[in-house]
């Protein structure tokens, strides 16, 4: 599943691994300065804490 995120959404391999692990753990919000602010991935919202 992480490789799908790399191929389809152009996440880095390590970002995709973190995202998939977080989704499996039931995380609904993730803070990252490296990913697009307010992007949604499998019912999880990615937010940049500096915006």
C-alpha atoms as a PDB file:
ATOM      1  CA  UNK A   1       0.000   0.000   0.000  1.00  0.00           C
ATOM      2  CA  UNK A   2       2.811   2.416   0.717  1.00  0.00           C
ATOM      3  CA  UNK A   3       4.192   1.892  -2.778  1.00  0.00           C
ATOM      4  CA  UNK A   4       0.829   2.980  -4.202  1.00  0.00           C
ATOM      5  CA  UNK A   5       1.264   6.286  -2.350  1.00  0.00           C
ATOM      6  CA  UNK A   6       4.742   6.656  -3.834  1.00  0.00           C
ATOM      7  CA  UNK A   7       3.590   5.898  -7.381  1.00  0.00           C
ATOM      8  CA  UNK A   8       0.222   7.651  -7.462  1.00  0.00           C
ATOM      9  CA  UNK A   9       0.724  10.601  -5.124  1.00  0.00           C
ATOM     10  CA  UNK A  10       4.479  11.116  -5.400  1.00  0.00           C
ATOM     11  CA  UNK A  11       5.181  10.830  -1.685  1.00  0.00           C
ATOM     12  CA  UNK A  12       8.709   9.856  -0.750  1.00  0.00           C
ATOM     13  CA  UNK A  13       9.097   6.216   0.270  1.00  0.00           C
ATOM     14  CA  UNK A  14       9.618   7.139   3.939  1.00  0.00           C
ATOM     15  CA  UNK A  15       6.674   9.562   4.012  1.00  0.00           C
ATOM     16  CA  UNK A  16       4.482   6.850   2.493  1.00  0.00           C
ATOM     17  CA  UNK A  17       5.603   4.360   5.147  1.00  0.00           C
ATOM     18  CA  UNK A  18       4.765   6.857   7.915  1.00  0.00           C
ATOM     19  CA  UNK A  19       1.374   7.641   6.353  1.00  0.00           C
ATOM     20  CA  UNK A  20       0.371   4.004   5.970  1.00  0.00           C
ATOM     21  CA  UNK A  21       1.479   3.161   9.502  1.00  0.00           C
ATOM     22  CA  UNK A  22      -0.461   6.129  10.883  1.00  0.00           C
ATOM     23  CA  UNK A  23      -3.610   5.162   8.954  1.00  0.00           C
ATOM     24  CA  UNK A  24      -3.399   1.598  10.254  1.00  0.00           C
ATOM     25  CA  UNK A  25      -3.043   2.973  13.805  1.00  0.00           C
ATOM     26  CA  UNK A  26      -6.199   5.066  13.386  1.00  0.00           C
ATOM     27  CA  UNK A  27      -4.536   8.485  13.232  1.00  0.00           C
ATOM     28  CA  UNK A  28      -6.824  11.166  11.766  1.00  0.00           C
ATOM     29  CA  UNK A  29      -4.456  14.195  11.770  1.00  0.00           C
ATOM     30  CA  UNK A  30      -0.765  14.287  10.975  1.00  0.00           C
ATOM     31  CA  UNK A  31       1.547  17.277  11.242  1.00  0.00           C
ATOM     32  CA  UNK A  32       4.307  17.589   8.660  1.00  0.00           C
ATOM     33  CA  UNK A  33       6.168  20.504   7.166  1.00  0.00           C
ATOM     34  CA  UNK A  34       7.212  18.351   4.184  1.00  0.00           C
ATOM     35  CA  UNK A  35       3.793  17.397   2.823  1.00  0.00           C
ATOM     36  CA  UNK A  36       1.061  19.541   1.286  1.00  0.00           C
ATOM     37  CA  UNK A  37      -0.977  21.470   3.877  1.00  0.00           C
ATOM     38  CA  UNK A  38      -4.580  20.239   4.275  1.00  0.00           C
ATOM     39  CA  UNK A  39      -4.022  17.239   2.020  1.00  0.00           C
ATOM     40  CA  UNK A  40      -6.242  14.251   2.811  1.00  0.00           C
ATOM     41  CA  UNK A  41      -4.987  10.689   2.632  1.00  0.00           C
ATOM     42  CA  UNK A  42      -7.338   7.815   3.503  1.00  0.00           C
ATOM     43  CA  UNK A  43      -9.421   9.862   5.978  1.00  0.00           C
ATOM     44  CA  UNK A  44      -6.331  11.422   7.542  1.00  0.00           C
ATOM     45  CA  UNK A  45      -5.635  15.150   7.179  1.00  0.00           C
ATOM     46  CA  UNK A  46      -2.045  16.309   6.783  1.00  0.00           C
ATOM     47  CA  UNK A  47      -1.379  19.735   8.243  1.00  0.00           C
ATOM     48  CA  UNK A  48       1.672  21.951   8.191  1.00  0.00           C
ATOM     49  CA  UNK A  49       2.096  23.302  11.744  1.00  0.00           C
ATOM     50  CA  UNK A  50       3.849  26.413  10.403  1.00  0.00           C
ATOM     51  CA  UNK A  51       0.940  27.642   8.252  1.00  0.00           C
END
